[in-house]
């Protein structure tokens, strides 16, 4: 792994943010937290293999900027990221949206330990972590936004995440190619809107965001 150069990472992040469409520009403190998150992830990844992306510079585009493409689709105040892995997209979004609350769910204890450490190190007061399967989480009043990043097919996402929504809530799924077959298999009553996501630094990769609502 390359030596961690936080100044270079910050420059790369700033350049990427300038090309990110429809996203709120993080302030200076939040940009510092985003770079610090990459530093933590790179450090823990050596021992715990949290992500297949090894280079910190690649984490800026593949993880930070890719996560922030979800920002325009966040709805309401209460958000949950299911199958969050190393905290993606939930942690970057929590950093840039301190006015919203985020619950991050994953069944892997190594990953939830990392997220818990990152939340403490970054002083994030709007994040809670829960280890377990999302289908076993009792959501109470429900969430405004349920998000996931390449965790499951869209019909499966409805199955494991639909119960977490409140009335008027939405499921937001990050995908690569347009999942036409999955869209055709959505349960009755679910409506999808699709959006192309342009990620600076990943122009050669196809990205889509699918927003599901129940009617």
N, C-alpha and C. Protein backbone atom coordinates (compact mmCIF):
# COMPACT_ATOMS: atom_id res chain seq x y z
N UNK A 1 0.84 -1.19 0.00
CA UNK A 1 0.00 0.00 0.00
C UNK A 1 0.88 1.24 0.00
N UNK A 2 0.41 2.26 -0.72
CA UNK A 2 1.16 3.51 -0.75
C UNK A 2 1.12 4.19 0.61
N UNK A 3 2.13 5.00 0.88
CA UNK A 3 2.12 5.80 2.10
C UNK A 3 0.94 6.75 2.06
N UNK A 4 0.34 6.95 3.22
CA UNK A 4 -0.84 7.79 3.30
C UNK A 4 -0.43 9.26 3.30
N UNK A 5 -0.87 9.99 2.31
CA UNK A 5 -0.60 11.41 2.19
C UNK A 5 -1.93 12.14 2.27
N UNK A 6 -2.27 12.61 3.48
CA UNK A 6 -3.59 13.20 3.68
C UNK A 6 -3.75 14.50 2.90
N UNK A 7 -2.67 15.23 2.69
CA UNK A 7 -2.76 16.45 1.90
C UNK A 7 -3.15 16.13 0.46
N UNK A 8 -2.54 15.09 -0.11
CA UNK A 8 -2.88 14.68 -1.47
C UNK A 8 -4.30 14.15 -1.54
N UNK A 9 -4.70 13.41 -0.51
CA UNK A 9 -6.07 12.89 -0.49
C UNK A 9 -7.08 14.03 -0.42
N UNK A 10 -6.77 15.05 0.38
CA UNK A 10 -7.67 16.20 0.48
C UNK A 10 -7.77 16.92 -0.86
N UNK A 11 -6.66 17.07 -1.55
CA UNK A 11 -6.67 17.71 -2.87
C UNK A 11 -7.52 16.89 -3.85
N UNK A 12 -7.36 15.58 -3.80
CA UNK A 12 -8.13 14.70 -4.68
C UNK A 12 -9.62 14.79 -4.35
N UNK A 13 -9.93 14.83 -3.06
CA UNK A 13 -11.33 14.95 -2.64
C UNK A 13 -11.93 16.26 -3.12
N UNK A 14 -11.20 17.36 -2.94
CA UNK A 14 -11.70 18.66 -3.37
C UNK A 14 -11.98 18.68 -4.87
N UNK A 15 -11.06 18.11 -5.64
CA UNK A 15 -11.25 18.07 -7.09
C UNK A 15 -12.47 17.22 -7.45
N UNK A 16 -12.62 16.08 -6.77
CA UNK A 16 -13.76 15.22 -7.04
C UNK A 16 -15.09 15.86 -6.67
N UNK A 17 -15.11 16.55 -5.54
CA UNK A 17 -16.34 17.20 -5.10
C UNK A 17 -16.79 18.27 -6.09
N UNK A 18 -15.83 18.94 -6.72
CA UNK A 18 -16.19 19.99 -7.68
C UNK A 18 -16.90 19.41 -8.90
N UNK A 19 -16.68 18.12 -9.16
CA UNK A 19 -17.34 17.47 -10.29
C UNK A 19 -18.53 16.61 -9.93
N UNK A 20 -18.91 16.64 -8.66
CA UNK A 20 -20.03 15.81 -8.20
C UNK A 20 -21.34 16.55 -8.43
N UNK A 21 -22.27 15.90 -9.11
CA UNK A 21 -23.51 16.56 -9.49
C UNK A 21 -24.53 16.53 -8.35
N UNK A 22 -25.20 17.65 -8.15
CA UNK A 22 -26.37 17.75 -7.26
C UNK A 22 -26.07 17.41 -5.80
N UNK A 23 -24.82 17.48 -5.41
CA UNK A 23 -24.47 17.15 -4.03
C UNK A 23 -24.13 18.43 -3.26
N UNK A 24 -24.54 18.49 -2.00
CA UNK A 24 -24.18 19.62 -1.16
C UNK A 24 -22.68 19.61 -0.88
N UNK A 25 -22.06 20.74 -1.03
CA UNK A 25 -20.61 20.82 -0.82
C UNK A 25 -20.29 20.73 0.67
N UNK A 26 -19.51 19.74 1.10
CA UNK A 26 -19.12 19.65 2.51
C UNK A 26 -18.29 20.86 2.91
N UNK A 27 -18.40 21.25 4.18
CA UNK A 27 -17.55 22.34 4.66
C UNK A 27 -16.15 21.81 4.98
N UNK A 28 -15.28 22.70 5.40
CA UNK A 28 -13.88 22.33 5.60
C UNK A 28 -13.72 21.25 6.67
N UNK A 29 -14.48 21.38 7.76
CA UNK A 29 -14.41 20.37 8.83
C UNK A 29 -14.86 19.02 8.32
N UNK A 30 -15.95 18.99 7.56
CA UNK A 30 -16.47 17.73 7.04
C UNK A 30 -15.50 17.10 6.05
N UNK A 31 -14.85 17.91 5.22
CA UNK A 31 -13.85 17.37 4.30
C UNK A 31 -12.70 16.74 5.08
N UNK A 32 -12.31 17.38 6.18
CA UNK A 32 -11.27 16.80 7.03
C UNK A 32 -11.70 15.47 7.62
N UNK A 33 -12.97 15.37 8.02
CA UNK A 33 -13.49 14.11 8.56
C UNK A 33 -13.54 13.02 7.49
N UNK A 34 -13.88 13.39 6.27
CA UNK A 34 -13.92 12.41 5.19
C UNK A 34 -12.53 11.83 4.92
N UNK A 35 -11.52 12.69 4.91
CA UNK A 35 -10.15 12.22 4.71
C UNK A 35 -9.70 11.38 5.90
N UNK A 36 -10.08 11.78 7.11
CA UNK A 36 -9.72 11.01 8.30
C UNK A 36 -10.38 9.63 8.27
N UNK A 37 -11.59 9.56 7.73
CA UNK A 37 -12.27 8.27 7.60
C UNK A 37 -11.49 7.35 6.66
N UNK A 38 -11.02 7.89 5.53
CA UNK A 38 -10.20 7.09 4.62
C UNK A 38 -8.93 6.61 5.31
N UNK A 39 -8.32 7.47 6.10
CA UNK A 39 -7.09 7.09 6.82
C UNK A 39 -7.38 5.93 7.78
N UNK A 40 -8.49 6.02 8.50
CA UNK A 40 -8.86 4.93 9.42
C UNK A 40 -9.15 3.64 8.66
N UNK A 41 -9.87 3.77 7.56
CA UNK A 41 -10.23 2.59 6.78
C UNK A 41 -8.99 1.92 6.22
N UNK A 42 -8.05 2.72 5.72
CA UNK A 42 -6.81 2.15 5.18
C UNK A 42 -6.00 1.44 6.27
N UNK A 43 -5.98 2.02 7.46
CA UNK A 43 -5.24 1.43 8.58
C UNK A 43 -5.86 0.10 9.01
N UNK A 44 -7.18 0.10 9.23
CA UNK A 44 -7.86 -1.12 9.68
C UNK A 44 -7.89 -2.18 8.58
N UNK A 45 -7.89 -1.74 7.34
CA UNK A 45 -8.02 -2.69 6.23
C UNK A 45 -6.82 -3.63 6.15
N UNK A 46 -5.67 -3.18 6.64
CA UNK A 46 -4.48 -4.02 6.61
C UNK A 46 -4.68 -5.30 7.42
N UNK A 47 -5.41 -5.18 8.53
CA UNK A 47 -5.59 -6.32 9.42
C UNK A 47 -6.93 -7.03 9.23
N UNK A 48 -7.96 -6.28 8.88
CA UNK A 48 -9.32 -6.83 8.91
C UNK A 48 -9.95 -7.03 7.54
N UNK A 49 -9.25 -6.60 6.46
CA UNK A 49 -9.76 -6.82 5.11
C UNK A 49 -11.22 -6.36 4.97
N UNK A 50 -11.45 -5.09 5.27
CA UNK A 50 -12.80 -4.53 5.27
C UNK A 50 -13.28 -4.22 3.87
N UNK A 51 -12.37 -3.95 2.96
CA UNK A 51 -12.74 -3.59 1.59
C UNK A 51 -11.68 -4.11 0.64
N UNK A 52 -12.11 -4.45 -0.58
CA UNK A 52 -11.17 -4.91 -1.60
C UNK A 52 -10.34 -3.78 -2.17
N UNK A 53 -10.78 -2.55 -1.95
CA UNK A 53 -10.02 -1.38 -2.40
C UNK A 53 -8.88 -1.15 -1.42
N UNK A 54 -7.64 -1.25 -1.88
CA UNK A 54 -6.50 -1.21 -0.98
C UNK A 54 -5.86 0.17 -0.87
N UNK A 55 -5.84 0.92 -1.97
CA UNK A 55 -5.13 2.19 -2.00
C UNK A 55 -6.02 3.32 -1.48
N UNK A 56 -5.51 4.14 -0.57
CA UNK A 56 -6.29 5.27 -0.06
C UNK A 56 -6.80 6.19 -1.17
N UNK A 57 -5.99 6.44 -2.19
CA UNK A 57 -6.43 7.32 -3.28
C UNK A 57 -7.63 6.72 -4.00
N UNK A 58 -7.65 5.40 -4.17
CA UNK A 58 -8.80 4.75 -4.80
C UNK A 58 -10.03 4.80 -3.90
N UNK A 59 -9.81 4.80 -2.58
CA UNK A 59 -10.93 4.89 -1.65
C UNK A 59 -11.68 6.22 -1.78
N UNK A 60 -10.96 7.28 -2.16
CA UNK A 60 -11.61 8.58 -2.31
C UNK A 60 -12.67 8.51 -3.39
N UNK A 61 -12.34 7.94 -4.53
CA UNK A 61 -13.31 7.86 -5.62
C UNK A 61 -14.31 6.72 -5.42
N UNK A 62 -13.81 5.52 -5.12
CA UNK A 62 -14.67 4.35 -5.02
C UNK A 62 -15.58 4.38 -3.80
N UNK A 63 -15.14 5.02 -2.72
CA UNK A 63 -15.91 4.99 -1.48
C UNK A 63 -16.51 6.35 -1.12
N UNK A 64 -15.71 7.39 -1.01
CA UNK A 64 -16.25 8.69 -0.60
C UNK A 64 -17.17 9.28 -1.66
N UNK A 65 -16.63 9.53 -2.85
CA UNK A 65 -17.42 10.20 -3.88
C UNK A 65 -18.59 9.33 -4.33
N UNK A 66 -18.37 8.03 -4.44
CA UNK A 66 -19.46 7.13 -4.82
C UNK A 66 -20.58 7.18 -3.78
N UNK A 67 -20.23 7.20 -2.50
CA UNK A 67 -21.25 7.27 -1.45
C UNK A 67 -22.03 8.58 -1.52
N UNK A 68 -21.34 9.67 -1.80
CA UNK A 68 -21.99 10.98 -1.79
C UNK A 68 -22.95 11.19 -2.95
N UNK A 69 -22.91 10.31 -3.97
CA UNK A 69 -23.91 10.41 -5.04
C UNK A 69 -25.31 10.10 -4.52
N UNK A 70 -25.40 9.48 -3.35
CA UNK A 70 -26.70 9.17 -2.76
C UNK A 70 -27.35 10.42 -2.14
N UNK A 71 -26.53 11.41 -1.81
CA UNK A 71 -27.01 12.57 -1.04
C UNK A 71 -28.28 13.22 -1.61
N UNK A 72 -28.40 13.44 -2.92
CA UNK A 72 -29.61 14.09 -3.41
C UNK A 72 -30.88 13.26 -3.22
N UNK A 73 -30.72 11.99 -2.89
CA UNK A 73 -31.88 11.10 -2.78
C UNK A 73 -32.25 10.78 -1.34
N UNK A 74 -31.53 11.37 -0.39
CA UNK A 74 -31.90 11.20 1.01
C UNK A 74 -33.22 11.90 1.28
N UNK A 75 -34.07 11.24 2.04
CA UNK A 75 -35.42 11.75 2.30
C UNK A 75 -35.65 11.78 3.80
N UNK A 76 -36.13 12.90 4.31
CA UNK A 76 -36.47 12.97 5.72
C UNK A 76 -35.26 13.02 6.62
N UNK A 77 -35.48 12.74 7.91
CA UNK A 77 -34.45 12.89 8.93
C UNK A 77 -33.83 11.57 9.38
N UNK A 78 -34.59 10.49 9.31
CA UNK A 78 -34.11 9.20 9.85
C UNK A 78 -33.69 8.29 8.70
N UNK A 79 -32.41 7.92 8.69
CA UNK A 79 -31.85 7.12 7.60
C UNK A 79 -31.21 5.86 8.17
N UNK A 80 -31.30 4.78 7.42
CA UNK A 80 -30.65 3.54 7.82
C UNK A 80 -29.93 2.95 6.62
N UNK A 81 -28.71 2.48 6.84
CA UNK A 81 -27.87 1.86 5.82
C UNK A 81 -27.76 0.39 6.17
N UNK A 82 -28.35 -0.48 5.34
CA UNK A 82 -28.35 -1.91 5.65
C UNK A 82 -27.25 -2.61 4.84
N UNK A 83 -26.60 -3.58 5.50
CA UNK A 83 -25.45 -4.23 4.88
C UNK A 83 -24.36 -3.22 4.61
N UNK A 84 -24.10 -2.38 5.60
CA UNK A 84 -23.23 -1.21 5.40
C UNK A 84 -21.76 -1.56 5.20
N UNK A 85 -21.35 -2.79 5.56
CA UNK A 85 -19.95 -3.17 5.37
C UNK A 85 -19.02 -2.31 6.20
N UNK A 86 -18.13 -1.58 5.53
CA UNK A 86 -17.19 -0.70 6.22
C UNK A 86 -17.79 0.68 6.49
N UNK A 87 -19.12 0.78 6.42
CA UNK A 87 -19.78 2.05 6.70
C UNK A 87 -20.13 2.84 5.46
N UNK A 88 -20.42 2.12 4.36
CA UNK A 88 -20.65 2.77 3.08
C UNK A 88 -22.03 2.40 2.51
N UNK A 89 -22.80 3.38 2.13
CA UNK A 89 -22.49 4.81 2.03
C UNK A 89 -22.77 5.61 3.31
N UNK A 90 -23.18 4.94 4.39
CA UNK A 90 -23.72 5.64 5.54
C UNK A 90 -22.80 6.63 6.21
N UNK A 91 -21.52 6.25 6.45
CA UNK A 91 -20.64 7.15 7.19
C UNK A 91 -20.31 8.44 6.42
N UNK A 92 -19.93 8.37 5.14
CA UNK A 92 -19.72 9.63 4.42
C UNK A 92 -20.96 10.52 4.40
N UNK A 93 -22.13 9.92 4.28
CA UNK A 93 -23.37 10.71 4.27
C UNK A 93 -23.65 11.29 5.65
N UNK A 94 -23.35 10.55 6.71
CA UNK A 94 -23.55 11.07 8.06
C UNK A 94 -22.61 12.24 8.34
N UNK A 95 -21.39 12.16 7.83
CA UNK A 95 -20.44 13.25 7.99
C UNK A 95 -20.95 14.52 7.32
N UNK A 96 -21.50 14.38 6.14
CA UNK A 96 -21.92 15.55 5.36
C UNK A 96 -23.34 16.00 5.66
N UNK A 97 -24.07 15.23 6.46
CA UNK A 97 -25.46 15.58 6.82
C UNK A 97 -25.66 15.44 8.33
N UNK A 98 -25.01 16.30 9.11
CA UNK A 98 -25.11 16.19 10.56
C UNK A 98 -26.50 16.47 11.10
N UNK A 99 -27.38 17.02 10.26
CA UNK A 99 -28.75 17.31 10.67
C UNK A 99 -29.64 16.08 10.61
N UNK A 100 -29.16 15.00 10.00
CA UNK A 100 -29.93 13.77 9.90
C UNK A 100 -29.34 12.70 10.81
N UNK A 101 -30.16 11.73 11.21
CA UNK A 101 -29.67 10.61 12.03
C UNK A 101 -29.49 9.38 11.15
N UNK A 102 -28.46 8.60 11.45
CA UNK A 102 -28.13 7.44 10.64
C UNK A 102 -27.95 6.21 11.54
N UNK A 103 -28.58 5.12 11.15
CA UNK A 103 -28.33 3.82 11.76
C UNK A 103 -27.62 2.97 10.72
N UNK A 104 -26.48 2.36 11.10
CA UNK A 104 -25.72 1.50 10.21
C UNK A 104 -25.82 0.07 10.69
N UNK A 105 -26.28 -0.81 9.82
CA UNK A 105 -26.54 -2.21 10.17
C UNK A 105 -25.64 -3.13 9.35
N UNK A 106 -24.99 -4.06 10.02
CA UNK A 106 -24.26 -5.12 9.32
C UNK A 106 -24.16 -6.32 10.26
N UNK A 107 -24.13 -7.50 9.69
CA UNK A 107 -24.06 -8.72 10.51
C UNK A 107 -22.63 -9.13 10.84
N UNK A 108 -21.64 -8.50 10.19
CA UNK A 108 -20.24 -8.86 10.38
C UNK A 108 -19.66 -8.07 11.55
N UNK A 109 -19.22 -8.78 12.59
CA UNK A 109 -18.77 -8.10 13.81
C UNK A 109 -17.48 -7.31 13.59
N UNK A 110 -16.58 -7.79 12.72
CA UNK A 110 -15.37 -7.03 12.43
C UNK A 110 -15.71 -5.66 11.85
N UNK A 111 -16.68 -5.65 10.97
CA UNK A 111 -17.04 -4.40 10.30
C UNK A 111 -17.79 -3.46 11.24
N UNK A 112 -18.65 -3.99 12.08
CA UNK A 112 -19.34 -3.11 13.02
C UNK A 112 -18.39 -2.57 14.09
N UNK A 113 -17.36 -3.35 14.44
CA UNK A 113 -16.35 -2.84 15.37
C UNK A 113 -15.58 -1.68 14.74
N UNK A 114 -15.23 -1.83 13.47
CA UNK A 114 -14.55 -0.73 12.79
C UNK A 114 -15.43 0.51 12.74
N UNK A 115 -16.69 0.35 12.38
CA UNK A 115 -17.59 1.49 12.27
C UNK A 115 -17.73 2.18 13.62
N UNK A 116 -17.89 1.39 14.67
CA UNK A 116 -18.02 1.96 16.01
C UNK A 116 -16.78 2.78 16.38
N UNK A 117 -15.60 2.26 16.04
CA UNK A 117 -14.36 2.99 16.30
C UNK A 117 -14.30 4.27 15.47
N UNK A 118 -14.70 4.18 14.20
CA UNK A 118 -14.67 5.36 13.33
C UNK A 118 -15.63 6.44 13.83
N UNK A 119 -16.82 6.03 14.27
CA UNK A 119 -17.80 6.99 14.79
C UNK A 119 -17.22 7.73 15.99
N UNK A 120 -16.53 7.00 16.87
CA UNK A 120 -15.93 7.64 18.05
C UNK A 120 -14.77 8.55 17.65
N UNK A 121 -13.91 8.07 16.77
CA UNK A 121 -12.74 8.84 16.37
C UNK A 121 -13.12 10.12 15.64
N UNK A 122 -14.22 10.08 14.88
CA UNK A 122 -14.64 11.24 14.10
C UNK A 122 -15.66 12.10 14.84
N UNK A 123 -15.98 11.69 16.08
CA UNK A 123 -16.93 12.45 16.93
C UNK A 123 -18.27 12.66 16.23
N UNK A 124 -18.79 11.59 15.64
CA UNK A 124 -20.09 11.67 14.96
C UNK A 124 -21.20 11.38 15.96
N UNK A 125 -22.00 12.37 16.23
CA UNK A 125 -23.07 12.25 17.22
C UNK A 125 -24.39 11.79 16.60
N UNK A 126 -24.44 11.67 15.29
CA UNK A 126 -25.69 11.35 14.61
C UNK A 126 -25.71 9.94 14.04
N UNK A 127 -24.81 9.06 14.55
CA UNK A 127 -24.69 7.70 14.02
C UNK A 127 -24.83 6.68 15.14
N UNK A 128 -25.65 5.66 14.88
CA UNK A 128 -25.72 4.48 15.74
C UNK A 128 -25.37 3.26 14.90
N UNK A 129 -24.86 2.22 15.56
CA UNK A 129 -24.43 1.00 14.88
C UNK A 129 -25.16 -0.18 15.48
N UNK A 130 -25.62 -1.09 14.63
CA UNK A 130 -26.32 -2.28 15.11
C UNK A 130 -25.79 -3.49 14.35
N UNK A 131 -25.32 -4.50 15.10
CA UNK A 131 -24.84 -5.73 14.47
C UNK A 131 -25.97 -6.73 14.39
N UNK A 132 -26.23 -7.20 13.19
CA UNK A 132 -27.28 -8.19 12.98
C UNK A 132 -27.80 -8.09 11.56
N UNK A 133 -28.83 -8.85 11.28
CA UNK A 133 -29.44 -8.85 9.95
C UNK A 133 -30.59 -7.85 9.93
N UNK A 134 -30.68 -7.10 8.86
CA UNK A 134 -31.67 -6.02 8.81
C UNK A 134 -33.09 -6.53 8.95
N UNK A 135 -33.34 -7.75 8.47
CA UNK A 135 -34.70 -8.28 8.57
C UNK A 135 -35.11 -8.59 10.01
N UNK A 136 -34.13 -8.61 10.92
CA UNK A 136 -34.42 -8.87 12.34
C UNK A 136 -34.50 -7.58 13.16
N UNK A 137 -34.26 -6.45 12.53
CA UNK A 137 -34.29 -5.18 13.28
C UNK A 137 -35.72 -4.68 13.39
N UNK A 138 -36.12 -4.34 14.61
CA UNK A 138 -37.47 -3.80 14.84
C UNK A 138 -37.40 -2.29 14.74
N UNK A 139 -38.02 -1.75 13.70
CA UNK A 139 -37.81 -0.35 13.35
C UNK A 139 -38.71 0.62 14.10
N UNK A 140 -39.68 0.12 14.83
CA UNK A 140 -40.56 1.04 15.56
C UNK A 140 -41.29 1.96 14.61
N UNK A 141 -41.07 3.26 14.74
CA UNK A 141 -41.77 4.24 13.90
C UNK A 141 -41.30 4.20 12.45
N UNK A 142 -40.20 3.54 12.19
CA UNK A 142 -39.71 3.42 10.83
C UNK A 142 -38.78 4.54 10.41
N UNK A 143 -38.17 4.36 9.25
CA UNK A 143 -37.17 5.29 8.72
C UNK A 143 -37.70 5.98 7.47
N UNK A 144 -37.18 7.16 7.24
CA UNK A 144 -37.54 7.92 6.04
C UNK A 144 -36.80 7.41 4.80
N UNK A 145 -35.53 7.02 5.01
CA UNK A 145 -34.71 6.50 3.91
C UNK A 145 -34.02 5.22 4.36
N UNK A 146 -34.20 4.17 3.58
CA UNK A 146 -33.44 2.92 3.76
C UNK A 146 -32.52 2.79 2.55
N UNK A 147 -31.21 2.72 2.79
CA UNK A 147 -30.28 2.68 1.67
C UNK A 147 -29.41 1.43 1.74
N UNK A 148 -28.88 1.06 0.58
CA UNK A 148 -27.91 -0.04 0.55
C UNK A 148 -27.06 0.10 -0.69
N UNK A 149 -25.90 -0.48 -0.60
CA UNK A 149 -24.91 -0.38 -1.68
C UNK A 149 -24.57 -1.78 -2.17
N UNK A 150 -25.18 -2.16 -3.29
CA UNK A 150 -24.87 -3.44 -3.95
C UNK A 150 -24.96 -4.62 -2.98
N UNK A 151 -25.97 -4.60 -2.11
CA UNK A 151 -26.12 -5.67 -1.13
C UNK A 151 -26.95 -6.82 -1.67
N UNK A 152 -28.02 -6.50 -2.39
CA UNK A 152 -28.97 -7.53 -2.80
C UNK A 152 -29.70 -7.08 -4.05
N UNK A 153 -30.41 -8.03 -4.67
CA UNK A 153 -31.28 -7.67 -5.79
C UNK A 153 -32.40 -6.76 -5.27
N UNK A 154 -33.03 -6.03 -6.16
CA UNK A 154 -34.10 -5.12 -5.73
C UNK A 154 -35.27 -5.86 -5.07
N UNK A 155 -35.74 -7.00 -5.61
CA UNK A 155 -36.80 -7.72 -4.89
C UNK A 155 -36.35 -8.18 -3.51
N UNK A 156 -35.10 -8.62 -3.39
CA UNK A 156 -34.58 -9.04 -2.08
C UNK A 156 -34.46 -7.83 -1.16
N UNK A 157 -34.07 -6.68 -1.69
CA UNK A 157 -33.98 -5.48 -0.88
C UNK A 157 -35.34 -5.10 -0.29
N UNK A 158 -36.37 -5.22 -1.09
CA UNK A 158 -37.73 -4.96 -0.58
C UNK A 158 -38.03 -5.92 0.57
N UNK A 159 -37.58 -7.16 0.43
CA UNK A 159 -37.86 -8.19 1.43
C UNK A 159 -37.14 -7.92 2.75
N UNK A 160 -35.88 -7.49 2.66
CA UNK A 160 -35.08 -7.32 3.89
C UNK A 160 -35.10 -5.91 4.43
N UNK A 161 -35.58 -4.96 3.63
CA UNK A 161 -35.55 -3.57 4.07
C UNK A 161 -36.87 -2.84 4.03
N UNK A 162 -37.87 -3.40 3.33
CA UNK A 162 -39.13 -2.70 3.19
C UNK A 162 -39.84 -2.45 4.51
N UNK A 163 -39.69 -3.40 5.46
CA UNK A 163 -40.38 -3.26 6.74
C UNK A 163 -39.81 -2.14 7.60
N UNK A 164 -38.62 -1.64 7.23
CA UNK A 164 -37.98 -0.58 8.00
C UNK A 164 -38.52 0.81 7.66
N UNK A 165 -39.27 0.91 6.56
CA UNK A 165 -39.75 2.21 6.10
C UNK A 165 -40.98 2.67 6.87
N UNK A 166 -41.07 3.98 7.04
CA UNK A 166 -42.32 4.55 7.53
C UNK A 166 -43.20 4.90 6.33
N UNK A 167 -44.40 5.38 6.58
CA UNK A 167 -45.27 5.78 5.48
C UNK A 167 -44.63 6.94 4.71
N UNK A 168 -44.50 6.78 3.43
CA UNK A 168 -43.87 7.81 2.61
C UNK A 168 -42.37 7.68 2.51
N UNK A 169 -41.80 6.65 3.13
CA UNK A 169 -40.35 6.45 3.05
C UNK A 169 -39.92 5.89 1.71
N UNK A 170 -38.60 5.81 1.53
CA UNK A 170 -38.09 5.32 0.26
C UNK A 170 -36.88 4.42 0.47
N UNK A 171 -36.75 3.45 -0.43
CA UNK A 171 -35.58 2.59 -0.50
C UNK A 171 -34.65 3.15 -1.58
N UNK A 172 -33.38 3.31 -1.26
CA UNK A 172 -32.41 3.86 -2.21
C UNK A 172 -31.30 2.84 -2.39
N UNK A 173 -31.16 2.33 -3.61
CA UNK A 173 -30.18 1.28 -3.89
C UNK A 173 -29.14 1.78 -4.88
N UNK A 174 -27.86 1.57 -4.54
CA UNK A 174 -26.77 1.86 -5.47
C UNK A 174 -26.48 0.62 -6.30
N UNK A 175 -26.44 0.80 -7.60
CA UNK A 175 -26.21 -0.30 -8.53
C UNK A 175 -25.16 0.09 -9.55
N UNK A 176 -24.63 -0.92 -10.22
CA UNK A 176 -23.74 -0.67 -11.34
C UNK A 176 -24.57 -0.46 -12.59
N UNK A 177 -24.68 -1.49 -13.41
CA UNK A 177 -25.50 -1.41 -14.61
C UNK A 177 -26.98 -1.32 -14.24
N UNK A 178 -27.78 -0.81 -15.19
CA UNK A 178 -29.21 -0.73 -14.97
C UNK A 178 -29.78 -2.13 -14.73
N UNK A 179 -30.40 -2.37 -13.57
CA UNK A 179 -30.88 -3.73 -13.24
C UNK A 179 -32.28 -4.00 -13.81
N UNK A 180 -32.37 -4.09 -15.12
CA UNK A 180 -33.67 -4.22 -15.78
C UNK A 180 -34.43 -5.46 -15.32
N UNK A 181 -33.74 -6.59 -15.20
CA UNK A 181 -34.42 -7.82 -14.79
C UNK A 181 -34.96 -7.70 -13.36
N UNK A 182 -34.18 -7.07 -12.48
CA UNK A 182 -34.63 -6.88 -11.09
C UNK A 182 -35.83 -5.95 -11.03
N UNK A 183 -35.80 -4.90 -11.83
CA UNK A 183 -36.93 -3.96 -11.85
C UNK A 183 -38.21 -4.65 -12.29
N UNK A 184 -38.08 -5.58 -13.24
CA UNK A 184 -39.26 -6.29 -13.75
C UNK A 184 -39.84 -7.24 -12.71
N UNK A 185 -39.04 -7.59 -11.70
CA UNK A 185 -39.49 -8.56 -10.70
C UNK A 185 -39.90 -7.92 -9.38
N UNK A 186 -40.02 -6.59 -9.35
CA UNK A 186 -40.44 -5.93 -8.11
C UNK A 186 -41.85 -6.37 -7.71
N UNK A 187 -42.10 -6.52 -6.41
CA UNK A 187 -43.43 -6.90 -5.95
C UNK A 187 -44.47 -5.84 -6.34
N UNK A 188 -45.70 -6.27 -6.42
CA UNK A 188 -46.80 -5.37 -6.74
C UNK A 188 -46.86 -4.25 -5.70
N UNK A 189 -47.06 -3.03 -6.17
CA UNK A 189 -47.18 -1.89 -5.27
C UNK A 189 -45.93 -1.07 -5.12
N UNK A 190 -44.81 -1.57 -5.66
CA UNK A 190 -43.55 -0.85 -5.58
C UNK A 190 -43.26 -0.15 -6.90
N UNK A 191 -42.86 1.11 -6.81
CA UNK A 191 -42.56 1.92 -7.99
C UNK A 191 -41.10 2.36 -7.94
N UNK A 192 -40.44 2.31 -9.09
CA UNK A 192 -39.01 2.65 -9.15
C UNK A 192 -38.78 3.87 -10.02
N UNK A 193 -37.89 4.74 -9.57
CA UNK A 193 -37.34 5.79 -10.42
C UNK A 193 -35.83 5.56 -10.48
N UNK A 194 -35.25 5.75 -11.65
CA UNK A 194 -33.84 5.44 -11.86
C UNK A 194 -33.06 6.71 -12.20
N UNK A 195 -31.82 6.74 -11.72
CA UNK A 195 -30.96 7.91 -11.91
C UNK A 195 -29.56 7.43 -12.27
N UNK A 196 -28.95 8.07 -13.25
CA UNK A 196 -27.55 7.80 -13.58
C UNK A 196 -26.68 8.60 -12.62
N UNK A 197 -25.68 7.95 -12.03
CA UNK A 197 -24.77 8.59 -11.09
C UNK A 197 -23.40 8.74 -11.74
N UNK A 198 -22.94 9.97 -11.84
CA UNK A 198 -21.60 10.24 -12.38
C UNK A 198 -20.63 10.42 -11.22
N UNK A 199 -19.64 9.55 -11.13
CA UNK A 199 -18.68 9.60 -10.03
C UNK A 199 -17.33 10.08 -10.57
N UNK A 200 -16.87 11.26 -10.16
CA UNK A 200 -15.55 11.72 -10.60
C UNK A 200 -14.46 10.70 -10.26
N UNK A 201 -13.65 10.38 -11.25
CA UNK A 201 -12.61 9.38 -11.07
C UNK A 201 -13.03 7.99 -11.48
N UNK A 202 -14.34 7.79 -11.68
CA UNK A 202 -14.86 6.49 -12.11
C UNK A 202 -15.70 6.64 -13.37
N UNK A 203 -15.24 7.52 -14.26
CA UNK A 203 -16.03 7.81 -15.46
C UNK A 203 -16.20 6.60 -16.36
N UNK A 204 -15.32 5.61 -16.23
CA UNK A 204 -15.41 4.43 -17.08
C UNK A 204 -16.30 3.35 -16.48
N UNK A 205 -16.89 3.63 -15.32
CA UNK A 205 -17.75 2.64 -14.68
C UNK A 205 -19.19 3.15 -14.64
N UNK A 206 -20.12 2.26 -14.93
CA UNK A 206 -21.53 2.62 -14.93
C UNK A 206 -22.08 2.58 -13.52
N UNK A 207 -22.79 3.63 -13.14
CA UNK A 207 -23.41 3.69 -11.82
C UNK A 207 -24.86 4.15 -11.96
N UNK A 208 -25.75 3.50 -11.23
CA UNK A 208 -27.15 3.91 -11.19
C UNK A 208 -27.62 3.92 -9.75
N UNK A 209 -28.56 4.81 -9.48
CA UNK A 209 -29.25 4.84 -8.19
C UNK A 209 -30.72 4.60 -8.45
N UNK A 210 -31.25 3.60 -7.77
CA UNK A 210 -32.66 3.22 -7.93
C UNK A 210 -33.40 3.62 -6.65
N UNK A 211 -34.45 4.40 -6.80
CA UNK A 211 -35.27 4.83 -5.67
C UNK A 211 -36.62 4.13 -5.75
N UNK A 212 -36.93 3.37 -4.71
CA UNK A 212 -38.18 2.60 -4.66
C UNK A 212 -39.14 3.19 -3.65
N UNK A 213 -40.38 3.34 -4.04
CA UNK A 213 -41.43 3.80 -3.13
C UNK A 213 -42.61 2.85 -3.23
N UNK A 214 -43.38 2.77 -2.14
CA UNK A 214 -44.52 1.86 -2.09
C UNK A 214 -45.82 2.65 -2.17
N UNK A 215 -46.71 2.18 -3.02
CA UNK A 215 -47.98 2.89 -3.21
C UNK A 215 -49.15 1.93 -3.05
